[in-house]
Amino acid sequence: GVSAVASAFAMAACRCNREASDKRGNKPVPRVLCIAPFDDLPGQYVAMMNSIFSFQKGGVLVDACVLCPKDCRLLQQASDITGGAYWRPAVQDLAGSSLVQYLITVFLSDKGTRFADAGCSTPLLRIPRPQQVDYRASCFRSSEPIDLGFVCSVCLAIFSQPVVICDICDSKMAIE
């Protein structure tokens, strides 16, 4: 099944698209902030990437704050693709009010404050960006990143080893 995160991203993408297509004059500039207590969602890769590409097309920033010891490669990709901020705080940054202060400072700033525009050659804030983004897909079975994989033609699940029956949609996979 689809996780709540993938569903939330899809609902946010629909809402952003609805706001962008609204014919009224005052258009908000939508942004998405994901505060994540998880490090990876390999089984939600396809659903999440569909939403991320929708955000990219609509010019929506996807910001991510990952509250666990490991980076979330999927949220790194989302932040990088859409131009959003990505931050995984150190354990000492989670204590007291420093987390709240950082969340307000970084993630509350709008696009104009984050990036240089025609009137300003440098941005007003230095927003944390993922340093090295790993764009490899994850195996749906082992959750490990893979360079070469086997893809189910029905649900687009990715596996590091050939499988006869897809673990996700139970379709028979033709291995030649």
Protein backbone atom coordinates (compact mmCIF):
# COMPACT_ATOMS: atom_id res chain seq x y z
CA GLY A 1 0.00 0.00 0.00
CA VAL A 2 0.89 3.63 -0.31
CA SER A 3 2.34 5.29 2.78
CA ALA A 4 0.87 8.41 4.32
CA VAL A 5 3.89 10.41 3.08
CA ALA A 6 3.33 9.51 -0.58
CA SER A 7 -0.39 10.27 -0.19
CA ALA A 8 0.37 13.61 1.49
CA PHE A 9 2.75 14.55 -1.33
CA ALA A 10 0.11 13.65 -3.93
CA MET A 11 -2.54 15.71 -2.12
CA ALA A 12 -0.12 18.65 -1.85
CA ALA A 13 0.65 18.40 -5.57
CA CYS A 14 -3.08 18.46 -6.37
CA ARG A 15 -3.62 21.45 -4.10
CA CYS A 16 -0.68 23.37 -5.63
CA ASN A 17 -1.97 22.62 -9.12
CA ARG A 18 -5.46 23.78 -8.16
CA GLU A 19 -4.10 27.04 -6.72
CA ALA A 20 -1.96 27.64 -9.83
CA SER A 21 -4.92 27.14 -12.16
CA ASP A 22 -7.22 29.40 -10.15
CA LYS A 23 -8.38 32.35 -12.27
CA ARG A 24 -8.59 34.82 -9.38
CA GLY A 25 -5.96 37.54 -9.14
CA ASN A 26 -4.16 36.89 -5.83
CA LYS A 27 -2.13 33.74 -6.36
CA PRO A 28 -0.18 32.32 -3.43
CA VAL A 29 3.29 30.93 -3.99
CA PRO A 30 2.99 27.37 -2.70
CA ARG A 31 5.78 25.52 -0.91
CA VAL A 32 5.96 22.09 0.70
CA LEU A 33 7.76 21.32 3.96
CA CYS A 34 8.31 17.70 4.96
CA ILE A 35 9.54 17.16 8.51
CA ALA A 36 10.56 13.53 8.35
CA PRO A 37 11.36 11.14 11.20
CA PHE A 38 12.42 8.50 8.65
CA ASP A 39 15.48 7.99 6.50
CA ASP A 40 14.11 6.33 3.38
CA LEU A 41 10.96 5.18 1.61
CA PRO A 42 12.06 2.80 -1.17
CA GLY A 43 8.59 1.30 -1.65
CA GLN A 44 7.14 4.76 -2.28
CA TYR A 45 9.71 5.83 -4.89
CA VAL A 46 7.41 5.92 -7.92
CA ALA A 47 4.50 7.67 -6.18
CA MET A 48 6.80 10.21 -4.55
CA MET A 49 8.73 10.96 -7.76
CA ASN A 50 5.47 11.59 -9.64
CA SER A 51 4.57 14.24 -7.07
CA ILE A 52 8.09 15.68 -7.06
CA PHE A 53 8.05 16.13 -10.84
CA SER A 54 4.65 17.82 -10.54
CA PHE A 55 6.15 20.21 -7.96
CA GLN A 56 9.08 20.89 -10.26
CA LYS A 57 6.82 21.69 -13.21
CA GLY A 58 4.73 24.03 -11.06
CA GLY A 59 7.74 25.83 -9.57
CA VAL A 60 6.92 24.60 -6.06
CA LEU A 61 9.83 24.38 -3.60
CA VAL A 62 10.02 21.18 -1.59
CA ASP A 63 11.87 21.66 1.71
CA ALA A 64 12.90 18.75 3.90
CA CYS A 65 13.98 18.52 7.52
CA VAL A 66 15.06 14.97 8.31
CA LEU A 67 15.08 14.11 12.03
CA CYS A 68 17.02 10.86 12.02
CA PRO A 69 20.71 9.89 11.89
CA LYS A 70 20.76 8.99 8.16
CA ASP A 71 19.91 11.13 5.14
CA CYS A 72 16.68 10.45 3.26
CA ARG A 73 17.79 10.07 -0.36
CA LEU A 74 14.26 10.56 -1.70
CA LEU A 75 13.82 13.88 0.11
CA GLN A 76 17.33 14.93 -0.95
CA GLN A 77 16.26 14.33 -4.53
CA ALA A 78 13.02 16.26 -4.00
CA SER A 79 14.84 19.26 -2.53
CA ASP A 80 17.49 19.23 -5.25
CA ILE A 81 15.05 18.84 -8.15
CA THR A 82 12.73 21.62 -6.95
CA GLY A 83 15.37 23.98 -5.55
CA GLY A 84 14.21 23.60 -1.97
CA ALA A 85 16.17 23.40 1.27
CA TYR A 86 17.37 20.15 2.83
CA TRP A 87 18.53 19.92 6.42
CA ARG A 88 19.36 16.99 8.67
CA PRO A 89 20.21 18.53 12.05
CA ALA A 90 22.85 17.10 14.33
CA VAL A 91 21.64 15.63 17.62
CA GLN A 92 22.78 18.70 19.57
CA ASP A 93 20.67 20.93 17.27
CA LEU A 94 17.51 19.10 18.34
CA ALA A 95 17.76 20.30 21.94
CA GLY A 96 15.92 23.33 23.32
CA SER A 97 14.72 26.09 21.06
CA SER A 98 17.49 25.83 18.45
CA LEU A 99 15.39 23.52 16.25
CA VAL A 100 12.41 25.89 16.31
CA GLN A 101 14.65 28.89 15.60
CA TYR A 102 16.23 27.13 12.64
CA LEU A 103 12.89 25.93 11.27
CA ILE A 104 11.54 29.48 11.40
CA THR A 105 14.65 31.05 9.90
CA VAL A 106 15.23 28.62 7.06
CA PHE A 107 11.92 27.10 6.14
CA LEU A 108 9.68 30.14 6.63
CA SER A 109 11.63 32.30 4.16
CA ASP A 110 10.04 32.76 0.76
CA LYS A 111 11.57 32.21 -2.67
CA GLY A 112 12.55 35.88 -3.06
CA THR A 113 14.47 35.86 0.22
CA ARG A 114 16.25 32.62 -0.59
CA PHE A 115 17.41 33.38 -4.10
CA ALA A 116 18.97 36.34 -5.85
CA ASP A 117 16.54 38.24 -8.06
CA ALA A 118 16.93 41.01 -10.63
CA GLY A 119 17.45 43.69 -7.95
CA CYS A 120 19.85 41.71 -5.77
CA SER A 121 22.92 39.82 -6.94
CA THR A 122 23.22 37.63 -3.84
CA PRO A 123 20.57 35.81 -1.81
CA LEU A 124 19.70 37.19 1.62
CA LEU A 125 19.97 33.77 3.30
CA ARG A 126 22.26 30.82 2.81
CA ILE A 127 19.83 27.94 2.64
CA PRO A 128 21.18 24.43 3.31
CA ARG A 129 21.20 22.35 0.16
CA PRO A 130 22.07 18.68 -0.22
CA GLN A 131 25.82 18.49 -0.88
CA GLN A 132 25.86 15.28 -2.87
CA VAL A 133 22.57 13.87 -4.07
CA ASP A 134 22.46 10.17 -4.81
CA TYR A 135 20.05 9.70 -7.72
CA ARG A 136 20.29 5.93 -7.75
CA ALA A 137 17.04 4.09 -7.23
CA SER A 138 16.55 1.80 -4.25
CA CYS A 139 15.74 -1.87 -4.46
CA PHE A 140 12.15 -2.34 -3.27
CA ARG A 141 13.14 -5.54 -1.49
CA SER A 142 16.42 -4.61 0.26
CA SER A 143 16.11 -0.79 0.35
CA GLU A 144 19.72 -0.55 -0.85
CA PRO A 145 20.70 1.82 -3.68
CA ILE A 146 21.40 0.02 -6.95
CA ASP A 147 23.19 0.95 -10.16
CA LEU A 148 21.47 -1.64 -12.35
CA GLY A 149 18.13 -3.24 -11.60
CA PHE A 150 15.15 -5.20 -12.81
CA VAL A 151 11.90 -3.23 -13.22
CA CYS A 152 8.36 -4.57 -13.07
CA SER A 153 6.56 -3.43 -16.22
CA VAL A 154 3.23 -3.15 -14.36
CA CYS A 155 4.00 -1.15 -11.20
CA LEU A 156 7.58 0.02 -11.96
CA ALA A 157 9.01 -1.59 -8.80
CA ILE A 158 12.80 -1.92 -8.95
CA PHE A 159 14.72 -4.98 -7.77
CA SER A 160 18.44 -5.68 -7.52
CA GLN A 161 17.98 -9.36 -8.46
CA PRO A 162 15.60 -10.94 -10.98
CA VAL A 163 12.27 -12.04 -9.49
CA VAL A 164 9.59 -14.27 -10.98
CA ILE A 165 6.62 -12.62 -9.21
CA CYS A 166 6.68 -8.92 -8.33
CA ASP A 167 6.56 -8.36 -4.55
CA ILE A 168 4.52 -5.19 -4.99
CA CYS A 169 1.76 -6.02 -7.50
CA ASP A 170 2.05 -9.86 -7.76
CA SER A 171 2.50 -9.68 -11.54
CA LYS A 172 4.57 -12.29 -13.30
CA MET A 173 7.84 -10.76 -14.51
CA ALA A 174 9.33 -11.96 -17.78
CA ILE A 175 13.04 -12.55 -17.27
CA GLU A 176 14.96 -13.22 -20.47
